[in-house]
C-alpha atoms as a PDB file:
ATOM      1  CA  MET A   1     -16.722   3.779  -7.379  1.00  0.00           C
ATOM      2  CA  SER A   2     -16.415   7.532  -6.902  1.00  0.00           C
ATOM      3  CA  TYR A   3     -14.414   9.095  -4.064  1.00  0.00           C
ATOM      4  CA  ASP A   4     -11.858  11.837  -3.523  1.00  0.00           C
ATOM      5  CA  TYR A   5      -9.116  13.058  -1.175  1.00  0.00           C
ATOM      6  CA  GLY A   6      -9.928  16.778  -1.236  1.00  0.00           C
ATOM      7  CA  GLU A   7     -12.214  19.044   0.762  1.00  0.00           C
ATOM      8  CA  CYS A   8     -15.484  17.988  -0.857  1.00  0.00           C
ATOM      9  CA  GLY A   9     -15.383  14.203  -1.195  1.00  0.00           C
ATOM     10  CA  GLY A  10     -12.413  13.369   1.017  1.00  0.00           C
ATOM     11  CA  PRO A  11     -12.003  10.610   3.623  1.00  0.00           C
ATOM     12  CA  HIS A  12     -14.235  12.388   6.169  1.00  0.00           C
ATOM     13  CA  THR A  13     -17.181  11.890   3.779  1.00  0.00           C
ATOM     14  CA  TRP A  14     -16.533   8.296   2.685  1.00  0.00           C
ATOM     15  CA  VAL A  15     -18.778   6.812   5.369  1.00  0.00           C
ATOM     16  CA  LEU A  16     -21.806   8.412   3.676  1.00  0.00           C
ATOM     17  CA  ASN A  17     -21.479   6.034   0.730  1.00  0.00           C
ATOM     18  CA  PHE A  18     -19.292   3.285   2.202  1.00  0.00           C
ATOM     19  CA  PRO A  19     -20.616   2.258   5.659  1.00  0.00           C
ATOM     20  CA  ALA A  20     -17.639  -0.006   6.390  1.00  0.00           C
ATOM     21  CA  ALA A  21     -15.533   3.156   6.763  1.00  0.00           C
ATOM     22  CA  SER A  22     -17.005   3.600  10.263  1.00  0.00           C
ATOM     23  CA  GLY A  23     -15.945   0.121  11.411  1.00  0.00           C
ATOM     24  CA  LYS A  24     -13.769  -0.882  14.365  1.00  0.00           C
ATOM     25  CA  ARG A  25     -10.799  -2.262  12.365  1.00  0.00           C
ATOM     26  CA  GLN A  26     -10.162   0.514   9.872  1.00  0.00           C
ATOM     27  CA  SER A  27      -6.780   1.360   8.350  1.00  0.00           C
ATOM     28  CA  PRO A  28      -4.324   3.012   8.347  1.00  0.00           C
ATOM     29  CA  ILE A  29      -3.253   3.484  11.972  1.00  0.00           C
ATOM     30  CA  ASN A  30      -0.412   5.057  13.914  1.00  0.00           C
ATOM     31  CA  LEU A  31       2.080   2.312  14.781  1.00  0.00           C
ATOM     32  CA  ASN A  32       2.982   3.132  18.375  1.00  0.00           C
ATOM     33  CA  THR A  33       6.061   1.011  19.013  1.00  0.00           C
ATOM     34  CA  SER A  34       6.005   1.548  22.779  1.00  0.00           C
ATOM     35  CA  ALA A  35       2.543  -0.014  23.003  1.00  0.00           C
ATOM     36  CA  MET A  36       2.949  -2.979  20.663  1.00  0.00           C
ATOM     37  CA  GLU A  37       3.775  -6.569  21.478  1.00  0.00           C
ATOM     38  CA  PHE A  38       6.942  -8.343  20.328  1.00  0.00           C
ATOM     39  CA  ASP A  39       5.821 -11.769  19.111  1.00  0.00           C
ATOM     40  CA  LYS A  40       8.704 -14.185  18.697  1.00  0.00           C
ATOM     41  CA  SER A  41       6.444 -16.634  16.848  1.00  0.00           C
ATOM     42  CA  LEU A  42       6.195 -14.289  13.846  1.00  0.00           C
ATOM     43  CA  ARG A  43       8.181 -15.726  10.948  1.00  0.00           C
ATOM     44  CA  PRO A  44      10.021 -13.932   8.121  1.00  0.00           C
ATOM     45  CA  LEU A  45       7.913 -13.123   5.066  1.00  0.00           C
ATOM     46  CA  GLN A  46       8.484 -15.110   1.900  1.00  0.00           C
ATOM     47  CA  ILE A  47       7.568 -13.516  -1.432  1.00  0.00           C
ATOM     48  CA  ASP A  48       8.077 -15.539  -4.611  1.00  0.00           C
ATOM     49  CA  LEU A  49       7.712 -13.428  -7.764  1.00  0.00           C
ATOM     50  CA  GLU A  50       9.301 -15.867 -10.221  1.00  0.00           C
ATOM     51  CA  GLY A  51       5.930 -16.819 -11.729  1.00  0.00           C
ATOM     52  CA  ILE A  52       4.976 -13.275 -12.762  1.00  0.00           C
ATOM     53  CA  THR A  53       5.082 -12.811 -16.532  1.00  0.00           C
ATOM     54  CA  THR A  54       3.705  -9.290 -17.077  1.00  0.00           C
ATOM     55  CA  TYR A  55       3.354  -6.007 -15.160  1.00  0.00           C
ATOM     56  CA  SER A  56       0.583  -3.687 -16.440  1.00  0.00           C
ATOM     57  CA  LEU A  57       0.511  -0.014 -15.404  1.00  0.00           C
ATOM     58  CA  THR A  58      -2.886   1.741 -15.282  1.00  0.00           C
ATOM     59  CA  THR A  59      -3.381   5.419 -14.434  1.00  0.00           C
ATOM     60  CA  LYS A  60      -6.417   6.524 -12.420  1.00  0.00           C
ATOM     61  CA  ASP A  61      -7.856   9.806 -11.145  1.00  0.00           C
ATOM     62  CA  HIS A  62      -6.111   9.636  -7.775  1.00  0.00           C
ATOM     63  CA  ASN A  63      -3.406   7.051  -8.252  1.00  0.00           C
ATOM     64  CA  PHE A  64      -1.797   4.546 -10.568  1.00  0.00           C
ATOM     65  CA  GLN A  65      -1.797   0.793 -10.169  1.00  0.00           C
ATOM     66  CA  ILE A  66       0.430  -2.019 -11.391  1.00  0.00           C
ATOM     67  CA  SER A  67      -1.445  -5.284 -11.980  1.00  0.00           C
ATOM     68  CA  VAL A  68       0.249  -8.592 -12.669  1.00  0.00           C
ATOM     69  CA  GLN A  69      -0.218 -11.642 -14.831  1.00  0.00           C
ATOM     70  CA  GLY A  70       1.250 -14.899 -13.630  1.00  0.00           C
ATOM     71  CA  ARG A  71       1.783 -16.093 -10.099  1.00  0.00           C
ATOM     72  CA  GLY A  72       3.371 -14.113  -7.267  1.00  0.00           C
ATOM     73  CA  ILE A  73       3.020 -15.754  -3.849  1.00  0.00           C
ATOM     74  CA  LEU A  74       3.246 -14.400  -0.304  1.00  0.00           C
ATOM     75  CA  GLU A  75       3.479 -16.720   2.698  1.00  0.00           C
ATOM     76  CA  GLY A  76       4.999 -16.877   6.159  1.00  0.00           C
ATOM     77  CA  GLY A  77       4.962 -13.968   8.554  1.00  0.00           C
ATOM     78  CA  PRO A  78       1.647 -13.883  10.449  1.00  0.00           C
ATOM     79  CA  LEU A  79      -0.184 -15.710   7.636  1.00  0.00           C
ATOM     80  CA  PHE A  80      -1.613 -19.234   7.717  1.00  0.00           C
ATOM     81  CA  SER A  81      -2.419 -19.492   4.000  1.00  0.00           C
ATOM     82  CA  LYS A  82      -0.738 -18.668   0.730  1.00  0.00           C
ATOM     83  CA  TYR A  83      -1.685 -15.326  -0.823  1.00  0.00           C
ATOM     84  CA  LYS A  84      -1.522 -14.408  -4.512  1.00  0.00           C
ATOM     85  CA  LEU A  85      -0.327 -10.976  -5.689  1.00  0.00           C
ATOM     86  CA  MET A  86      -3.117  -8.957  -7.328  1.00  0.00           C
ATOM     87  CA  GLN A  87      -1.651  -5.461  -7.696  1.00  0.00           C
ATOM     88  CA  PHE A  88       0.496  -2.826  -6.076  1.00  0.00           C
ATOM     89  CA  HIS A  89       0.216   0.952  -5.854  1.00  0.00           C
ATOM     90  CA  PHE A  90       1.594   3.970  -4.002  1.00  0.00           C
ATOM     91  CA  HIS A  91       0.319   6.740  -1.735  1.00  0.00           C
ATOM     92  CA  TRP A  92       2.028  10.122  -1.389  1.00  0.00           C
ATOM     93  CA  GLY A  93       1.571  13.725  -0.271  1.00  0.00           C
ATOM     94  CA  THR A  94       1.812  17.189  -1.756  1.00  0.00           C
ATOM     95  CA  ARG A  95       5.043  17.750   0.195  1.00  0.00           C
ATOM     96  CA  ASN A  96       7.866  15.498   1.338  1.00  0.00           C
ATOM     97  CA  THR A  97       6.949  15.846   5.016  1.00  0.00           C
ATOM     98  CA  TRP A  98       3.844  13.678   4.666  1.00  0.00           C
ATOM     99  CA  GLY A  99       2.324  11.141   2.301  1.00  0.00           C
ATOM    100  CA  SER A 100       2.407   7.678   3.852  1.00  0.00           C
ATOM    101  CA  GLU A 101      -0.817   6.218   5.170  1.00  0.00           C
ATOM    102  CA  HIS A 102       0.643   4.531   8.241  1.00  0.00           C
ATOM    103  CA  LEU A 103       2.601   6.549  10.778  1.00  0.00           C
ATOM    104  CA  VAL A 104       5.331   5.245  13.082  1.00  0.00           C
ATOM    105  CA  ASN A 105       5.204   6.942  16.476  1.00  0.00           C
ATOM    106  CA  GLY A 106       3.284   9.789  14.872  1.00  0.00           C
ATOM    107  CA  VAL A 107       5.819  10.358  12.102  1.00  0.00           C
ATOM    108  CA  SER A 108       4.857  10.216   8.415  1.00  0.00           C
ATOM    109  CA  SER A 109       6.998   9.160   5.455  1.00  0.00           C
ATOM    110  CA  PRO A 110       6.844  10.847   2.020  1.00  0.00           C
ATOM    111  CA  SER A 111       5.281   7.797   0.356  1.00  0.00           C
ATOM    112  CA  GLU A 112       4.057   4.259   1.020  1.00  0.00           C
ATOM    113  CA  LEU A 113       3.952   1.278  -1.325  1.00  0.00           C
ATOM    114  CA  HIS A 114       1.093  -1.206  -0.893  1.00  0.00           C
ATOM    115  CA  CYS A 115       1.378  -4.731  -2.328  1.00  0.00           C
ATOM    116  CA  VAL A 116      -2.066  -6.349  -2.309  1.00  0.00           C
ATOM    117  CA  PHE A 117      -2.340 -10.145  -2.071  1.00  0.00           C
ATOM    118  CA  MET A 118      -5.474 -12.351  -2.074  1.00  0.00           C
ATOM    119  CA  ASN A 119      -5.912 -15.480   0.036  1.00  0.00           C
ATOM    120  CA  THR A 120      -5.763 -18.457  -2.358  1.00  0.00           C
ATOM    121  CA  ALA A 121      -8.418 -20.196  -0.238  1.00  0.00           C
ATOM    122  CA  TYR A 122     -10.999 -17.923  -1.905  1.00  0.00           C
ATOM    123  CA  GLU A 123     -11.991 -18.081  -5.559  1.00  0.00           C
ATOM    124  CA  THR A 124     -12.527 -14.399  -6.325  1.00  0.00           C
ATOM    125  CA  PRO A 125     -11.484 -10.988  -4.975  1.00  0.00           C
ATOM    126  CA  GLU A 126     -15.153 -10.257  -4.270  1.00  0.00           C
ATOM    127  CA  LYS A 127     -15.387 -13.304  -2.002  1.00  0.00           C
ATOM    128  CA  ALA A 128     -12.048 -12.548  -0.349  1.00  0.00           C
ATOM    129  CA  MET A 129     -13.167  -9.008   0.491  1.00  0.00           C
ATOM    130  CA  GLN A 130     -16.041 -10.470   2.516  1.00  0.00           C
ATOM    131  CA  MET A 131     -13.685 -12.491   4.735  1.00  0.00           C
ATOM    132  CA  PRO A 132     -11.558 -11.229   7.661  1.00  0.00           C
ATOM    133  CA  ASP A 133      -8.474 -13.001   6.256  1.00  0.00           C
ATOM    134  CA  GLY A 134      -9.305 -12.393   2.604  1.00  0.00           C
ATOM    135  CA  LEU A 135      -6.417 -10.063   1.761  1.00  0.00           C
ATOM    136  CA  ALA A 136      -2.896  -9.396   2.985  1.00  0.00           C
ATOM    137  CA  VAL A 137      -1.273  -6.056   2.215  1.00  0.00           C
ATOM    138  CA  VAL A 138       2.458  -5.478   2.572  1.00  0.00           C
ATOM    139  CA  GLY A 139       3.211  -1.811   3.275  1.00  0.00           C
ATOM    140  CA  ILE A 140       6.658  -0.343   2.575  1.00  0.00           C
ATOM    141  CA  PHE A 141       7.738   3.184   3.496  1.00  0.00           C
ATOM    142  CA  LEU A 142       9.614   5.264   0.909  1.00  0.00           C
ATOM    143  CA  HIS A 143      12.050   7.961   2.042  1.00  0.00           C
ATOM    144  CA  ILE A 144      13.752  10.626  -0.061  1.00  0.00           C
ATOM    145  CA  GLY A 145      17.331   9.803  -1.093  1.00  0.00           C
ATOM    146  CA  ASN A 146      19.848  10.407  -3.866  1.00  0.00           C
ATOM    147  CA  GLN A 147      20.032   6.853  -5.204  1.00  0.00           C
ATOM    148  CA  ALA A 148      17.518   6.325  -8.031  1.00  0.00           C
ATOM    149  CA  ASN A 149      15.766   2.955  -7.972  1.00  0.00           C
ATOM    150  CA  ARG A 150      15.859   1.569 -11.528  1.00  0.00           C
ATOM    151  CA  SER A 151      12.352   0.120 -11.424  1.00  0.00           C
ATOM    152  CA  LEU A 152      10.953   3.382 -10.062  1.00  0.00           C
ATOM    153  CA  GLU A 153      12.845   5.211 -12.806  1.00  0.00           C
ATOM    154  CA  GLU A 154      11.159   3.133 -15.510  1.00  0.00           C
ATOM    155  CA  LEU A 155       7.796   3.552 -13.817  1.00  0.00           C
ATOM    156  CA  CYS A 156       8.178   7.347 -13.731  1.00  0.00           C
ATOM    157  CA  TRP A 157       9.380   7.476 -17.332  1.00  0.00           C
ATOM    158  CA  THR A 158       6.294   5.546 -18.493  1.00  0.00           C
ATOM    159  CA  LEU A 159       3.925   7.606 -16.325  1.00  0.00           C
ATOM    160  CA  GLY A 160       5.173  10.806 -17.922  1.00  0.00           C
ATOM    161  CA  SER A 161       3.564   9.991 -21.263  1.00  0.00           C
ATOM    162  CA  MET A 162       0.294   8.441 -20.038  1.00  0.00           C
ATOM    163  CA  LYS A 163      -3.224   9.836 -19.720  1.00  0.00           C
ATOM    164  CA  VAL A 164      -5.737   8.977 -16.996  1.00  0.00           C
ATOM    165  CA  GLY A 165      -7.422   5.658 -17.733  1.00  0.00           C
ATOM    166  CA  GLU A 166      -4.625   4.389 -19.969  1.00  0.00           C
ATOM    167  CA  THR A 167      -2.889   1.013 -19.501  1.00  0.00           C
ATOM    168  CA  ARG A 168       0.587   0.038 -20.677  1.00  0.00           C
ATOM    169  CA  ILE A 169       2.754  -3.046 -20.322  1.00  0.00           C
ATOM    170  CA  LEU A 170       6.000  -2.313 -18.487  1.00  0.00           C
ATOM    171  CA  ASP A 171       9.358  -3.398 -19.882  1.00  0.00           C
ATOM    172  CA  SER A 172      10.278  -7.040 -19.295  1.00  0.00           C
ATOM    173  CA  GLY A 173      13.133  -5.928 -17.037  1.00  0.00           C
ATOM    174  CA  PHE A 174      10.763  -4.344 -14.509  1.00  0.00           C
ATOM    175  CA  SER A 175      10.258  -6.288 -11.276  1.00  0.00           C
ATOM    176  CA  LEU A 176       8.544  -5.661  -7.963  1.00  0.00           C
ATOM    177  CA  ALA A 177      11.482  -7.456  -6.335  1.00  0.00           C
ATOM    178  CA  SER A 178      13.658  -4.352  -6.680  1.00  0.00           C
ATOM    179  CA  LEU A 179      11.122  -2.335  -4.659  1.00  0.00           C
ATOM    180  CA  LEU A 180      11.113  -4.711  -1.682  1.00  0.00           C
ATOM    181  CA  PRO A 181      13.276  -4.384   1.447  1.00  0.00           C
ATOM    182  CA  ARG A 182      16.229  -6.731   1.739  1.00  0.00           C
ATOM    183  CA  ASP A 183      15.242  -7.720   5.275  1.00  0.00           C
ATOM    184  CA  MET A 184      11.795  -9.325   5.178  1.00  0.00           C
ATOM    185  CA  SER A 185      11.950 -10.508   8.791  1.00  0.00           C
ATOM    186  CA  LYS A 186      11.220  -7.157  10.499  1.00  0.00           C
ATOM    187  CA  TYR A 187       7.639  -5.886  10.308  1.00  0.00           C
ATOM    188  CA  TYR A 188       4.544  -4.724  12.185  1.00  0.00           C
ATOM    189  CA  THR A 189       1.243  -6.561  11.750  1.00  0.00           C
ATOM    190  CA  TYR A 190      -2.379  -6.008  12.742  1.00  0.00           C
ATOM    191  CA  PRO A 191      -5.946  -6.755  11.500  1.00  0.00           C
ATOM    192  CA  GLY A 192      -7.308  -3.898   9.401  1.00  0.00           C
ATOM    193  CA  SER A 193      -9.079  -2.764   6.272  1.00  0.00           C
ATOM    194  CA  LEU A 194      -8.653  -1.414   2.791  1.00  0.00           C
ATOM    195  CA  THR A 195      -7.569   2.234   3.022  1.00  0.00           C
ATOM    196  CA  THR A 196      -9.726   3.196   0.033  1.00  0.00           C
ATOM    197  CA  PRO A 197     -13.460   2.667  -0.502  1.00  0.00           C
ATOM    198  CA  PRO A 198     -15.234   0.378   0.105  1.00  0.00           C
ATOM    199  CA  CYS A 199     -12.891   0.185   3.170  1.00  0.00           C
ATOM    200  CA  SER A 200     -13.699  -3.523   3.630  1.00  0.00           C
ATOM    201  CA  GLU A 201     -12.358  -5.013   6.872  1.00  0.00           C
ATOM    202  CA  CYS A 202     -10.641  -7.956   5.233  1.00  0.00           C
ATOM    203  CA  VAL A 203      -6.924  -7.154   5.477  1.00  0.00           C
ATOM    204  CA  THR A 204      -4.030  -8.583   7.441  1.00  0.00           C
ATOM    205  CA  TRP A 205      -1.611  -5.664   7.402  1.00  0.00           C
ATOM    206  CA  ILE A 206       2.138  -6.277   7.298  1.00  0.00           C
ATOM    207  CA  VAL A 207       4.107  -3.015   7.432  1.00  0.00           C
ATOM    208  CA  MET A 208       7.837  -3.411   6.878  1.00  0.00           C
ATOM    209  CA  ASP A 209      10.414  -1.789   9.147  1.00  0.00           C
ATOM    210  CA  GLU A 210      13.092  -1.338   6.463  1.00  0.00           C
ATOM    211  CA  ILE A 211      12.569   1.588   4.097  1.00  0.00           C
ATOM    212  CA  VAL A 212      13.110   1.929   0.335  1.00  0.00           C
ATOM    213  CA  THR A 213      14.577   5.043  -1.307  1.00  0.00           C
ATOM    214  CA  ILE A 214      12.831   7.319  -3.811  1.00  0.00           C
ATOM    215  CA  THR A 215      14.384  10.484  -5.266  1.00  0.00           C
ATOM    216  CA  LYS A 216      12.771  13.934  -5.204  1.00  0.00           C
ATOM    217  CA  ASP A 217      12.401  13.823  -8.976  1.00  0.00           C
ATOM    218  CA  GLN A 218      10.654  10.453  -8.862  1.00  0.00           C
ATOM    219  CA  ILE A 219       8.116  11.453  -6.222  1.00  0.00           C
ATOM    220  CA  ASN A 220       7.426  14.656  -8.155  1.00  0.00           C
ATOM    221  CA  LYS A 221       6.587  12.460 -11.164  1.00  0.00           C
ATOM    222  CA  PHE A 222       4.102  10.616  -8.947  1.00  0.00           C
ATOM    223  CA  ARG A 223       2.454  13.924  -8.039  1.00  0.00           C
ATOM    224  CA  GLN A 224       2.260  15.043 -11.659  1.00  0.00           C
ATOM    225  CA  SER A 225       0.345  11.872 -12.556  1.00  0.00           C
ATOM    226  CA  HIS A 226      -2.415  12.717 -10.061  1.00  0.00           C
ATOM    227  CA  SER A 227      -5.261  15.177 -10.677  1.00  0.00           C
ATOM    228  CA  LYS A 228      -5.376  18.050  -8.171  1.00  0.00           C
ATOM    229  CA  CYS A 229      -8.312  18.735  -5.870  1.00  0.00           C
ATOM    230  CA  ILE A 230     -10.372  21.471  -7.541  1.00  0.00           C
ATOM    231  CA  VAL A 231     -11.042  23.109  -4.143  1.00  0.00           C
ATOM    232  CA  CYS A 232      -7.680  23.079  -2.328  1.00  0.00           C
ATOM    233  CA  GLY A 233      -5.257  22.173  -5.143  1.00  0.00           C
ATOM    234  CA  CYS A 234      -3.598  19.379  -3.144  1.00  0.00           C
ATOM    235  CA  THR A 235      -2.251  16.184  -4.677  1.00  0.00           C
ATOM    236  CA  ASP A 236      -2.476  14.104  -1.495  1.00  0.00           C
ATOM    237  CA  ASN A 237      -3.857  10.608  -1.964  1.00  0.00           C
ATOM    238  CA  PHE A 238      -3.613   9.111   1.507  1.00  0.00           C
ATOM    239  CA  ARG A 239      -6.230   8.420   4.155  1.00  0.00           C
ATOM    240  CA  PRO A 240      -5.578   9.904   7.625  1.00  0.00           C
ATOM    241  CA  VAL A 241      -4.947   7.426  10.432  1.00  0.00           C
ATOM    242  CA  CYS A 242      -7.898   5.742  12.133  1.00  0.00           C
ATOM    243  CA  PRO A 243      -8.227   4.733  15.811  1.00  0.00           C
ATOM    244  CA  ALA A 244      -6.345   1.521  16.588  1.00  0.00           C
ATOM    245  CA  GLY A 245      -8.746   0.796  19.431  1.00  0.00           C
ATOM    246  CA  SER A 246      -8.089  -2.457  21.263  1.00  0.00           C
ATOM    247  CA  ARG A 247      -6.704  -4.296  18.250  1.00  0.00           C
ATOM    248  CA  PRO A 248      -3.544  -6.355  18.802  1.00  0.00           C
ATOM    249  CA  VAL A 249      -0.608  -4.727  17.005  1.00  0.00           C
ATOM    250  CA  ARG A 250       2.437  -7.000  16.972  1.00  0.00           C
ATOM    251  CA  CYS A 251       6.014  -6.671  15.786  1.00  0.00           C
ATOM    252  CA  SER A 252       8.397  -9.408  14.704  1.00  0.00           C
ATOM    253  CA  PHE A 253      11.498  -7.788  16.190  1.00  0.00           C
ATOM    254  CA  GLN A 254      12.719  -6.036  19.311  1.00  0.00           C
ATOM    255  CA  SER A 255      13.771  -2.434  18.774  1.00  0.00           C
END
């Protein structure tokens, strides 16, 4: 599946090969807090990662991805089924003033973590991607700070010696849990899509309010792992926001 983020094959061209990219529930979007609905029925998220045995890091042309073996379960929040963790990955920008896929009131964050879960009601990812409730993605904003996250530190250290297309098993001490917000009760949610081709409209988005810290050195390591656009030289790997349209965008808390 070939696509890019630069001038030639960037997001504005994806619809030519991936028709779903022109749909009515595309992601990401700008989360306009003044226009969204507080829904008191939204429950806290519950993520159980105790069953995960192995984290595998794979480098790609535009990103890197951490896949899991074992069982990591997401439930609660706006969801009516249990969802199994498939993988997680990051998006970032060439500079620290942009990089996240979602915006909050028009403001970008330097990076965004996406944790991708599959509805356990479906047997395969291929089947889940055909269903409107097939996937749930938890989005977490990363802001620049001085405190180095230990799991991010290990991730960056491993990335530094890897080539594109390579896979390595992360140390047994690595855990996604250390990359999650402490408060899992505050989030925004809406029906959307994958933010990368094929842009399937199968995702319940859950974007957390609480941020996680990444250092300047760590985000620079992210950028160094990503091939530059041969036309503009950028290392961006995020899709610009799409129209929210008339979709219901809810929040679990009152600001």
